[in-house]
Amino acid sequence: MPSIFTHSFVGIISASIFKTTKFKIKFFILSIICPVLPDLDVLAFKFGIPYEHFFGHRGFFHSLSFAFLLAAIIILIFFWSKEIKFKSKFGLLLYFFILTASHGILDAFTSGGLGIALLSPFDNTRYFFPYTPIKVSPLGISAFFGEWGKRVIISEMLWVWLPLIILFILVKVILWIRYNRLTR
């Protein structure tokens, strides 16, 4: 799995792209939580649930179904107001779904583990993408602050952070150009 830093970075960059005025802090915090939350399934180890179990690490909580379920719950709890139009609610649902789904998708690009149950509960097969350039992050904190962790961060910077920064810059430039054309 990519580290918690990289999953958080996905949320920070995503939230920074969109301008929100009404619920800026809530939107920003939820944008960081969504791509990180699936890794709470590591707690399964503390309860004796094995890695390959349905609720084990990289199981159901890394699936697209969970991503949709979490996005729907977020809309119901935090954005279900008469003031917010259906079109905006749908956009937020799609946004939080993509953010949460990014976790399992990024994990499927990593070089270790048993794979990701992206299609759970319909298919509990664990998958990796054919190309896995991102170094898998260690599960333990102490192991992260050594040579392994250093290789992980360098890999994540190259394969996730850099493309996200480039995407962020491109989106901001496009929006700036569009804004300047409209204000002439």
N, C-alpha and C. Protein backbone atom coordinates (compact mmCIF):
# COMPACT_ATOMS: atom_id res chain seq x y z
N MET A 1 0.84 -1.17 0.00
CA MET A 1 0.00 0.00 0.00
C MET A 1 0.87 1.23 0.00
N PRO A 2 0.45 2.29 -0.67
CA PRO A 2 1.14 3.55 -0.47
C PRO A 2 0.97 3.99 0.99
N SER A 3 1.81 4.87 1.44
CA SER A 3 1.77 5.31 2.83
C SER A 3 0.57 6.22 3.09
N ILE A 4 0.29 6.43 4.36
CA ILE A 4 -0.79 7.33 4.76
C ILE A 4 -0.52 8.74 4.25
N PHE A 5 0.76 9.08 4.11
CA PHE A 5 1.12 10.41 3.60
C PHE A 5 0.63 10.59 2.16
N THR A 6 0.82 9.57 1.36
CA THR A 6 0.42 9.66 -0.05
C THR A 6 -1.09 9.65 -0.20
N HIS A 7 -1.78 8.77 0.56
CA HIS A 7 -3.24 8.77 0.48
C HIS A 7 -3.80 10.13 0.93
N SER A 8 -3.21 10.72 1.97
CA SER A 8 -3.63 12.05 2.43
C SER A 8 -3.36 13.10 1.37
N PHE A 9 -2.21 12.99 0.71
CA PHE A 9 -1.83 13.95 -0.33
C PHE A 9 -2.85 13.96 -1.47
N VAL A 10 -3.37 12.78 -1.81
CA VAL A 10 -4.42 12.68 -2.83
C VAL A 10 -5.61 13.55 -2.43
N GLY A 11 -6.02 13.45 -1.16
CA GLY A 11 -7.14 14.25 -0.67
C GLY A 11 -6.85 15.73 -0.64
N ILE A 12 -5.64 16.09 -0.22
CA ILE A 12 -5.26 17.51 -0.14
C ILE A 12 -5.26 18.14 -1.53
N ILE A 13 -4.63 17.47 -2.49
CA ILE A 13 -4.59 18.00 -3.86
C ILE A 13 -6.01 18.10 -4.43
N SER A 14 -6.80 17.05 -4.24
CA SER A 14 -8.17 17.05 -4.77
C SER A 14 -8.99 18.20 -4.20
N ALA A 15 -8.93 18.37 -2.88
CA ALA A 15 -9.70 19.45 -2.24
C ALA A 15 -9.20 20.82 -2.68
N SER A 16 -7.92 20.92 -2.96
CA SER A 16 -7.34 22.20 -3.36
C SER A 16 -7.74 22.62 -4.78
N ILE A 17 -8.11 21.66 -5.58
CA ILE A 17 -8.52 21.96 -6.95
C ILE A 17 -9.87 22.66 -6.97
N PHE A 18 -10.77 22.24 -6.07
CA PHE A 18 -12.14 22.76 -6.08
C PHE A 18 -12.29 23.95 -5.15
N LYS A 19 -13.01 24.95 -5.63
CA LYS A 19 -13.33 26.10 -4.79
C LYS A 19 -14.68 25.84 -4.13
N THR A 20 -14.65 25.81 -2.82
CA THR A 20 -15.90 25.67 -2.07
C THR A 20 -15.96 26.83 -1.10
N THR A 21 -17.10 27.43 -0.97
CA THR A 21 -17.23 28.55 -0.04
C THR A 21 -18.12 28.18 1.14
N LYS A 22 -19.17 27.44 0.88
CA LYS A 22 -20.15 27.16 1.91
C LYS A 22 -19.64 26.20 2.98
N PHE A 23 -19.00 25.12 2.58
CA PHE A 23 -18.56 24.11 3.55
C PHE A 23 -17.09 23.75 3.34
N LYS A 24 -16.25 24.76 3.26
CA LYS A 24 -14.84 24.59 2.90
C LYS A 24 -14.08 23.67 3.86
N ILE A 25 -14.16 23.91 5.17
CA ILE A 25 -13.40 23.12 6.16
C ILE A 25 -13.90 21.68 6.16
N LYS A 26 -15.20 21.50 6.19
CA LYS A 26 -15.78 20.15 6.18
C LYS A 26 -15.37 19.40 4.92
N PHE A 27 -15.45 20.07 3.80
CA PHE A 27 -15.07 19.47 2.51
C PHE A 27 -13.60 19.07 2.51
N PHE A 28 -12.74 19.94 3.01
CA PHE A 28 -11.30 19.69 3.02
C PHE A 28 -10.97 18.50 3.94
N ILE A 29 -11.53 18.48 5.14
CA ILE A 29 -11.27 17.39 6.09
C ILE A 29 -11.77 16.06 5.54
N LEU A 30 -12.98 16.03 5.01
CA LEU A 30 -13.52 14.79 4.43
C LEU A 30 -12.71 14.35 3.22
N SER A 31 -12.16 15.31 2.48
CA SER A 31 -11.33 14.98 1.32
C SER A 31 -10.04 14.28 1.74
N ILE A 32 -9.55 14.57 2.92
CA ILE A 32 -8.35 13.90 3.42
C ILE A 32 -8.71 12.55 4.03
N ILE A 33 -9.84 12.48 4.71
CA ILE A 33 -10.25 11.24 5.39
C ILE A 33 -10.59 10.13 4.40
N CYS A 34 -11.31 10.46 3.34
CA CYS A 34 -11.79 9.43 2.39
C CYS A 34 -10.68 8.56 1.81
N PRO A 35 -9.59 9.11 1.29
CA PRO A 35 -8.57 8.23 0.72
C PRO A 35 -7.72 7.50 1.77
N VAL A 36 -7.83 7.88 3.04
CA VAL A 36 -7.06 7.24 4.11
C VAL A 36 -7.87 6.15 4.81
N LEU A 37 -9.16 6.38 4.95
CA LEU A 37 -10.03 5.51 5.75
C LEU A 37 -9.97 4.01 5.45
N PRO A 38 -9.85 3.59 4.20
CA PRO A 38 -9.82 2.13 3.95
C PRO A 38 -8.71 1.39 4.71
N ASP A 39 -7.63 2.08 5.04
CA ASP A 39 -6.55 1.41 5.76
C ASP A 39 -6.85 1.15 7.23
N LEU A 40 -7.99 1.61 7.71
CA LEU A 40 -8.37 1.25 9.08
C LEU A 40 -8.57 -0.26 9.21
N ASP A 41 -8.68 -0.93 8.05
CA ASP A 41 -8.84 -2.39 8.11
C ASP A 41 -7.60 -3.11 8.63
N VAL A 42 -6.49 -2.40 8.82
CA VAL A 42 -5.33 -3.03 9.46
C VAL A 42 -5.64 -3.38 10.91
N LEU A 43 -6.66 -2.74 11.48
CA LEU A 43 -7.09 -3.08 12.84
C LEU A 43 -7.61 -4.51 12.91
N ALA A 44 -7.98 -5.07 11.77
CA ALA A 44 -8.46 -6.46 11.73
C ALA A 44 -7.41 -7.41 12.31
N PHE A 45 -6.14 -7.10 12.09
CA PHE A 45 -5.06 -7.93 12.63
C PHE A 45 -5.15 -8.01 14.16
N LYS A 46 -5.51 -6.90 14.80
CA LYS A 46 -5.62 -6.86 16.27
C LYS A 46 -6.75 -7.76 16.76
N PHE A 47 -7.74 -8.01 15.91
CA PHE A 47 -8.88 -8.84 16.29
C PHE A 47 -8.74 -10.27 15.78
N GLY A 48 -7.56 -10.60 15.28
CA GLY A 48 -7.30 -11.95 14.81
C GLY A 48 -7.88 -12.28 13.45
N ILE A 49 -8.31 -11.26 12.72
CA ILE A 49 -8.86 -11.48 11.38
C ILE A 49 -7.68 -11.55 10.42
N PRO A 50 -7.54 -12.64 9.69
CA PRO A 50 -6.38 -12.78 8.80
C PRO A 50 -6.46 -11.85 7.58
N TYR A 51 -5.31 -11.61 7.02
CA TYR A 51 -5.14 -10.72 5.87
C TYR A 51 -6.11 -11.08 4.74
N GLU A 52 -6.21 -12.36 4.41
CA GLU A 52 -7.00 -12.80 3.25
C GLU A 52 -8.51 -12.87 3.50
N HIS A 53 -8.96 -12.60 4.72
CA HIS A 53 -10.38 -12.62 5.08
C HIS A 53 -11.13 -11.49 4.36
N PHE A 54 -12.43 -11.67 4.19
CA PHE A 54 -13.29 -10.65 3.57
C PHE A 54 -13.06 -9.27 4.21
N PHE A 55 -12.97 -9.24 5.55
CA PHE A 55 -12.75 -7.98 6.26
C PHE A 55 -11.28 -7.76 6.62
N GLY A 56 -10.39 -8.58 6.07
CA GLY A 56 -8.96 -8.43 6.31
C GLY A 56 -8.42 -7.23 5.55
N HIS A 57 -7.13 -6.98 5.79
CA HIS A 57 -6.48 -5.84 5.13
C HIS A 57 -6.54 -5.98 3.61
N ARG A 58 -6.92 -4.91 2.95
CA ARG A 58 -7.08 -4.83 1.50
C ARG A 58 -8.25 -5.67 0.98
N GLY A 59 -9.19 -5.97 1.88
CA GLY A 59 -10.40 -6.70 1.50
C GLY A 59 -11.52 -5.73 1.16
N PHE A 60 -12.71 -5.98 1.71
CA PHE A 60 -13.91 -5.21 1.39
C PHE A 60 -13.71 -3.70 1.51
N PHE A 61 -12.99 -3.25 2.54
CA PHE A 61 -12.85 -1.81 2.76
C PHE A 61 -11.98 -1.11 1.72
N HIS A 62 -11.36 -1.88 0.85
CA HIS A 62 -10.59 -1.32 -0.26
C HIS A 62 -11.37 -1.42 -1.59
N SER A 63 -12.60 -1.86 -1.53
CA SER A 63 -13.38 -2.13 -2.74
C SER A 63 -14.10 -0.88 -3.25
N LEU A 64 -14.53 -0.97 -4.50
CA LEU A 64 -15.32 0.10 -5.10
C LEU A 64 -16.69 0.20 -4.43
N SER A 65 -17.23 -0.93 -3.97
CA SER A 65 -18.51 -0.93 -3.27
C SER A 65 -18.42 -0.14 -1.97
N PHE A 66 -17.34 -0.36 -1.22
CA PHE A 66 -17.15 0.39 0.02
C PHE A 66 -16.99 1.88 -0.29
N ALA A 67 -16.25 2.19 -1.36
CA ALA A 67 -16.05 3.59 -1.74
C ALA A 67 -17.40 4.27 -2.01
N PHE A 68 -18.29 3.57 -2.71
CA PHE A 68 -19.61 4.13 -2.98
C PHE A 68 -20.43 4.27 -1.70
N LEU A 69 -20.39 3.24 -0.86
CA LEU A 69 -21.12 3.24 0.41
C LEU A 69 -20.65 4.40 1.30
N LEU A 70 -19.35 4.58 1.41
CA LEU A 70 -18.83 5.67 2.23
C LEU A 70 -19.23 7.03 1.66
N ALA A 71 -19.14 7.18 0.35
CA ALA A 71 -19.53 8.45 -0.29
C ALA A 71 -21.00 8.75 -0.03
N ALA A 72 -21.85 7.74 -0.13
CA ALA A 72 -23.29 7.93 0.13
C ALA A 72 -23.54 8.32 1.58
N ILE A 73 -22.84 7.69 2.51
CA ILE A 73 -22.99 8.03 3.93
C ILE A 73 -22.53 9.46 4.19
N ILE A 74 -21.45 9.87 3.57
CA ILE A 74 -20.95 11.24 3.73
C ILE A 74 -21.98 12.24 3.23
N ILE A 75 -22.59 11.96 2.09
CA ILE A 75 -23.61 12.88 1.55
C ILE A 75 -24.80 12.95 2.51
N LEU A 76 -25.25 11.79 2.98
CA LEU A 76 -26.40 11.75 3.89
C LEU A 76 -26.14 12.48 5.20
N ILE A 77 -24.95 12.34 5.74
CA ILE A 77 -24.64 12.94 7.04
C ILE A 77 -24.24 14.40 6.92
N PHE A 78 -23.39 14.72 5.97
CA PHE A 78 -22.77 16.05 5.94
C PHE A 78 -23.33 17.01 4.89
N PHE A 79 -24.00 16.50 3.87
CA PHE A 79 -24.42 17.37 2.77
C PHE A 79 -25.89 17.21 2.40
N TRP A 80 -26.70 16.62 3.27
CA TRP A 80 -28.11 16.42 2.94
C TRP A 80 -28.91 17.60 3.48
N SER A 81 -28.89 18.66 2.74
CA SER A 81 -29.59 19.87 3.11
C SER A 81 -30.48 20.28 1.95
N LYS A 82 -31.59 20.92 2.28
CA LYS A 82 -32.48 21.40 1.23
C LYS A 82 -31.81 22.48 0.39
N GLU A 83 -30.83 23.16 0.98
CA GLU A 83 -30.12 24.22 0.28
C GLU A 83 -29.24 23.67 -0.85
N ILE A 84 -28.79 22.43 -0.69
CA ILE A 84 -27.89 21.83 -1.68
C ILE A 84 -28.72 21.12 -2.74
N LYS A 85 -28.55 21.52 -3.97
CA LYS A 85 -29.32 20.95 -5.08
C LYS A 85 -28.90 19.51 -5.34
N PHE A 86 -29.81 18.75 -5.95
CA PHE A 86 -29.54 17.34 -6.25
C PHE A 86 -28.30 17.19 -7.13
N LYS A 87 -28.15 18.07 -8.11
CA LYS A 87 -27.00 18.01 -9.01
C LYS A 87 -25.69 18.16 -8.22
N SER A 88 -25.67 19.06 -7.25
CA SER A 88 -24.49 19.24 -6.41
C SER A 88 -24.25 18.03 -5.53
N LYS A 89 -25.33 17.46 -4.99
CA LYS A 89 -25.19 16.26 -4.16
C LYS A 89 -24.63 15.11 -4.98
N PHE A 90 -25.09 14.97 -6.20
CA PHE A 90 -24.57 13.92 -7.07
C PHE A 90 -23.10 14.15 -7.36
N GLY A 91 -22.73 15.39 -7.63
CA GLY A 91 -21.33 15.73 -7.87
C GLY A 91 -20.46 15.42 -6.66
N LEU A 92 -20.95 15.73 -5.46
CA LEU A 92 -20.22 15.42 -4.24
C LEU A 92 -20.11 13.91 -4.03
N LEU A 93 -21.19 13.19 -4.33
CA LEU A 93 -21.17 11.73 -4.23
C LEU A 93 -20.09 11.15 -5.14
N LEU A 94 -20.05 11.62 -6.36
CA LEU A 94 -19.05 11.16 -7.32
C LEU A 94 -17.63 11.53 -6.85
N TYR A 95 -17.47 12.73 -6.35
CA TYR A 95 -16.18 13.21 -5.87
C TYR A 95 -15.66 12.33 -4.72
N PHE A 96 -16.50 12.11 -3.69
CA PHE A 96 -16.06 11.32 -2.53
C PHE A 96 -15.91 9.84 -2.88
N PHE A 97 -16.68 9.36 -3.84
CA PHE A 97 -16.49 7.99 -4.32
C PHE A 97 -15.12 7.83 -4.97
N ILE A 98 -14.78 8.74 -5.86
CA ILE A 98 -13.48 8.67 -6.55
C ILE A 98 -12.33 8.79 -5.56
N LEU A 99 -12.47 9.70 -4.60
CA LEU A 99 -11.42 9.85 -3.60
C LEU A 99 -11.20 8.57 -2.80
N THR A 100 -12.29 7.96 -2.34
CA THR A 100 -12.18 6.73 -1.56
C THR A 100 -11.68 5.59 -2.43
N ALA A 101 -12.18 5.50 -3.64
CA ALA A 101 -11.75 4.44 -4.57
C ALA A 101 -10.28 4.58 -4.93
N SER A 102 -9.75 5.80 -4.88
CA SER A 102 -8.34 6.00 -5.21
C SER A 102 -7.44 5.17 -4.30
N HIS A 103 -7.90 4.90 -3.10
CA HIS A 103 -7.07 4.12 -2.17
C HIS A 103 -6.80 2.72 -2.71
N GLY A 104 -7.86 2.00 -3.01
CA GLY A 104 -7.69 0.64 -3.53
C GLY A 104 -6.98 0.62 -4.87
N ILE A 105 -7.27 1.61 -5.70
CA ILE A 105 -6.64 1.67 -7.02
C ILE A 105 -5.13 1.91 -6.88
N LEU A 106 -4.74 2.85 -6.02
CA LEU A 106 -3.31 3.07 -5.80
C LEU A 106 -2.65 1.83 -5.21
N ASP A 107 -3.33 1.19 -4.26
CA ASP A 107 -2.78 -0.03 -3.65
C ASP A 107 -2.57 -1.13 -4.68
N ALA A 108 -3.41 -1.17 -5.70
CA ALA A 108 -3.28 -2.20 -6.75
C ALA A 108 -2.06 -1.94 -7.64
N PHE A 109 -1.45 -0.77 -7.52
CA PHE A 109 -0.22 -0.46 -8.25
C PHE A 109 1.03 -0.73 -7.40
N THR A 110 0.85 -1.28 -6.19
CA THR A 110 2.00 -1.51 -5.32
C THR A 110 2.63 -2.88 -5.56
N SER A 111 3.84 -3.02 -5.05
CA SER A 111 4.65 -4.20 -5.35
C SER A 111 4.58 -5.29 -4.29
N GLY A 112 3.59 -5.30 -3.44
CA GLY A 112 3.55 -6.34 -2.41
C GLY A 112 2.17 -6.56 -1.83
N GLY A 113 2.06 -7.60 -1.03
CA GLY A 113 0.79 -7.94 -0.40
C GLY A 113 0.07 -9.03 -1.18
N LEU A 114 -1.19 -9.22 -0.83
CA LEU A 114 -1.99 -10.28 -1.45
C LEU A 114 -2.93 -9.77 -2.54
N GLY A 115 -2.84 -8.50 -2.86
CA GLY A 115 -3.73 -7.93 -3.86
C GLY A 115 -4.87 -7.17 -3.19
N ILE A 116 -5.72 -6.59 -4.02
CA ILE A 116 -6.81 -5.73 -3.55
C ILE A 116 -8.14 -6.32 -4.02
N ALA A 117 -9.10 -6.42 -3.11
CA ALA A 117 -10.44 -6.94 -3.44
C ALA A 117 -11.30 -5.80 -3.99
N LEU A 118 -10.92 -5.26 -5.13
CA LEU A 118 -11.60 -4.09 -5.71
C LEU A 118 -13.07 -4.35 -6.01
N LEU A 119 -13.43 -5.59 -6.33
CA LEU A 119 -14.80 -5.89 -6.74
C LEU A 119 -15.63 -6.52 -5.64
N SER A 120 -15.09 -6.57 -4.42
CA SER A 120 -15.82 -7.13 -3.29
C SER A 120 -17.08 -6.30 -3.05
N PRO A 121 -18.17 -6.87 -2.65
CA PRO A 121 -18.46 -8.23 -2.22
C PRO A 121 -18.88 -9.16 -3.36
N PHE A 122 -18.89 -8.67 -4.58
CA PHE A 122 -19.35 -9.48 -5.70
C PHE A 122 -18.31 -10.50 -6.15
N ASP A 123 -17.06 -10.11 -6.01
CA ASP A 123 -15.94 -11.00 -6.34
C ASP A 123 -14.84 -10.67 -5.34
N ASN A 124 -14.49 -11.62 -4.50
CA ASN A 124 -13.50 -11.37 -3.45
C ASN A 124 -12.07 -11.69 -3.88
N THR A 125 -11.88 -11.90 -5.19
CA THR A 125 -10.54 -12.10 -5.71
C THR A 125 -9.73 -10.84 -5.47
N ARG A 126 -8.49 -11.03 -5.12
CA ARG A 126 -7.61 -9.88 -4.89
C ARG A 126 -6.75 -9.65 -6.13
N TYR A 127 -6.73 -8.41 -6.56
CA TYR A 127 -6.08 -8.06 -7.81
C TYR A 127 -4.92 -7.09 -7.62
N PHE A 128 -3.97 -7.17 -8.53
CA PHE A 128 -2.94 -6.15 -8.74
C PHE A 128 -3.07 -5.74 -10.19
N PHE A 129 -2.63 -4.54 -10.52
CA PHE A 129 -2.54 -4.15 -11.91
C PHE A 129 -1.30 -4.81 -12.51
N PRO A 130 -1.27 -4.99 -13.82
CA PRO A 130 -0.10 -5.63 -14.44
C PRO A 130 1.21 -4.89 -14.17
N TYR A 131 1.14 -3.60 -13.97
CA TYR A 131 2.32 -2.79 -13.71
C TYR A 131 2.24 -2.29 -12.27
N THR A 132 3.22 -2.63 -11.44
CA THR A 132 3.18 -2.27 -10.03
C THR A 132 4.45 -1.49 -9.63
N PRO A 133 4.55 -0.23 -10.04
CA PRO A 133 5.78 0.53 -9.80
C PRO A 133 5.92 1.10 -8.39
N ILE A 134 4.81 1.20 -7.64
CA ILE A 134 4.87 1.83 -6.32
C ILE A 134 5.34 0.80 -5.29
N LYS A 135 6.40 1.14 -4.56
CA LYS A 135 6.91 0.24 -3.53
C LYS A 135 5.88 0.13 -2.41
N VAL A 136 5.63 -1.09 -1.96
CA VAL A 136 4.65 -1.31 -0.91
C VAL A 136 5.20 -0.79 0.42
N SER A 137 4.34 -0.10 1.15
CA SER A 137 4.71 0.48 2.44
C SER A 137 4.65 -0.59 3.53
N PRO A 138 5.57 -0.54 4.49
CA PRO A 138 5.48 -1.48 5.60
C PRO A 138 4.27 -1.16 6.48
N LEU A 139 3.72 -2.18 7.13
CA LEU A 139 2.57 -1.96 8.00
C LEU A 139 2.97 -1.33 9.33
N GLY A 140 4.14 -1.65 9.82
CA GLY A 140 4.58 -1.13 11.12
C GLY A 140 5.21 0.25 11.00
N ILE A 141 4.99 1.08 12.01
CA ILE A 141 5.54 2.45 12.00
C ILE A 141 7.06 2.42 12.08
N SER A 142 7.61 1.56 12.94
CA SER A 142 9.07 1.53 13.10
C SER A 142 9.77 1.13 11.80
N ALA A 143 9.18 0.20 11.06
CA ALA A 143 9.78 -0.24 9.79
C ALA A 143 9.74 0.88 8.75
N PHE A 144 8.80 1.80 8.91
CA PHE A 144 8.66 2.88 7.94
C PHE A 144 9.82 3.87 8.03
N PHE A 145 10.37 4.03 9.24
CA PHE A 145 11.44 5.02 9.43
C PHE A 145 12.82 4.41 9.27
N GLY A 146 13.00 3.68 8.19
CA GLY A 146 14.28 3.08 7.85
C GLY A 146 14.47 3.12 6.36
N GLU A 147 15.33 2.25 5.88
CA GLU A 147 15.64 2.19 4.44
C GLU A 147 14.39 1.87 3.61
N TRP A 148 13.58 0.93 4.09
CA TRP A 148 12.36 0.54 3.38
C TRP A 148 11.44 1.74 3.21
N GLY A 149 11.20 2.47 4.29
CA GLY A 149 10.34 3.65 4.24
C GLY A 149 10.86 4.71 3.29
N LYS A 150 12.19 4.87 3.28
CA LYS A 150 12.80 5.84 2.37
C LYS A 150 12.54 5.46 0.91
N ARG A 151 12.68 4.17 0.60
CA ARG A 151 12.42 3.72 -0.78
C ARG A 151 10.95 3.91 -1.14
N VAL A 152 10.06 3.68 -0.17
CA VAL A 152 8.62 3.86 -0.39
C VAL A 152 8.31 5.32 -0.72
N ILE A 153 8.80 6.24 0.09
CA ILE A 153 8.51 7.67 -0.12
C ILE A 153 9.05 8.14 -1.47
N ILE A 154 10.25 7.72 -1.83
CA ILE A 154 10.82 8.11 -3.13
C ILE A 154 9.94 7.57 -4.26
N SER A 155 9.52 6.33 -4.14
CA SER A 155 8.65 5.71 -5.14
C SER A 155 7.32 6.46 -5.25
N GLU A 156 6.73 6.80 -4.10
CA GLU A 156 5.45 7.51 -4.09
C GLU A 156 5.58 8.92 -4.66
N MET A 157 6.69 9.57 -4.36
CA MET A 157 6.90 10.91 -4.91
C MET A 157 6.97 10.86 -6.43
N LEU A 158 7.65 9.85 -6.95
CA LEU A 158 7.79 9.71 -8.39
C LEU A 158 6.48 9.31 -9.07
N TRP A 159 5.78 8.32 -8.51
CA TRP A 159 4.62 7.73 -9.20
C TRP A 159 3.27 8.31 -8.80
N VAL A 160 3.20 9.05 -7.67
CA VAL A 160 1.91 9.60 -7.24
C VAL A 160 2.00 11.11 -7.05
N TRP A 161 2.90 11.57 -6.22
CA TRP A 161 2.97 12.99 -5.90
C TRP A 161 3.26 13.85 -7.12
N LEU A 162 4.29 13.51 -7.87
CA LEU A 162 4.67 14.29 -9.04
C LEU A 162 3.53 14.38 -10.07
N PRO A 163 2.90 13.24 -10.44
CA PRO A 163 1.75 13.36 -11.36
C PRO A 163 0.61 14.19 -10.79
N LEU A 164 0.36 14.09 -9.48
CA LEU A 164 -0.71 14.89 -8.88
C LEU A 164 -0.38 16.38 -8.90
N ILE A 165 0.87 16.72 -8.64
CA ILE A 165 1.28 18.13 -8.68
C ILE A 165 1.16 18.67 -10.11
N ILE A 166 1.57 17.88 -11.09
CA ILE A 166 1.44 18.28 -12.50
C ILE A 166 -0.03 18.46 -12.86
N LEU A 167 -0.87 17.52 -12.45
CA LEU A 167 -2.32 17.63 -12.70
C LEU A 167 -2.88 18.88 -12.03
N PHE A 168 -2.51 19.13 -10.80
CA PHE A 168 -2.97 20.30 -10.08
C PHE A 168 -2.61 21.58 -10.83
N ILE A 169 -1.35 21.68 -11.27
CA ILE A 169 -0.89 22.86 -12.00
C ILE A 169 -1.66 23.02 -13.32
N LEU A 170 -1.83 21.92 -14.03
CA LEU A 170 -2.57 21.97 -15.30
C LEU A 170 -4.00 22.44 -15.09
N VAL A 171 -4.68 21.90 -14.10
CA VAL A 171 -6.07 22.29 -13.82
C VAL A 171 -6.12 23.76 -13.45
N LYS A 172 -5.21 24.22 -12.60
CA LYS A 172 -5.21 25.63 -12.20
C LYS A 172 -4.93 26.55 -13.38
N VAL A 173 -4.02 26.16 -14.26
CA VAL A 173 -3.71 26.97 -15.45
C VAL A 173 -4.94 27.02 -16.37
N ILE A 174 -5.57 25.88 -16.59
CA ILE A 174 -6.76 25.83 -17.45
C ILE A 174 -7.87 26.69 -16.86
N LEU A 175 -8.09 26.60 -15.55
CA LEU A 175 -9.12 27.42 -14.90
C LEU A 175 -8.77 28.91 -14.98
N TRP A 176 -7.50 29.24 -14.83
CA TRP A 176 -7.06 30.63 -14.91
C TRP A 176 -7.30 31.17 -16.32
N ILE A 177 -6.94 30.39 -17.33
CA ILE A 177 -7.16 30.80 -18.72
C ILE A 177 -8.64 30.97 -19.00
N ARG A 178 -9.42 30.01 -18.54
CA ARG A 178 -10.87 30.07 -18.75
C ARG A 178 -11.46 31.30 -18.07
N TYR A 179 -11.04 31.57 -16.83
CA TYR A 179 -11.55 32.73 -16.08
C TYR A 179 -11.19 34.02 -16.79
N ASN A 180 -9.96 34.12 -17.27
CA ASN A 180 -9.51 35.34 -17.95
C ASN A 180 -10.24 35.55 -19.27
N ARG A 181 -10.58 34.48 -19.96
CA ARG A 181 -11.37 34.62 -21.20
C ARG A 181 -12.77 35.11 -20.90
N LEU A 182 -13.35 34.64 -19.80
CA LEU A 182 -14.72 35.03 -19.46
C LEU A 182 -14.81 36.47 -18.94
N THR A 183 -13.72 36.97 -18.35
CA THR A 183 -13.76 38.32 -17.77
C THR A 183 -13.32 39.40 -18.74
N ARG A 184 -13.00 39.05 -19.96
CA ARG A 184 -12.60 40.07 -20.95
C ARG A 184 -13.78 40.73 -21.55
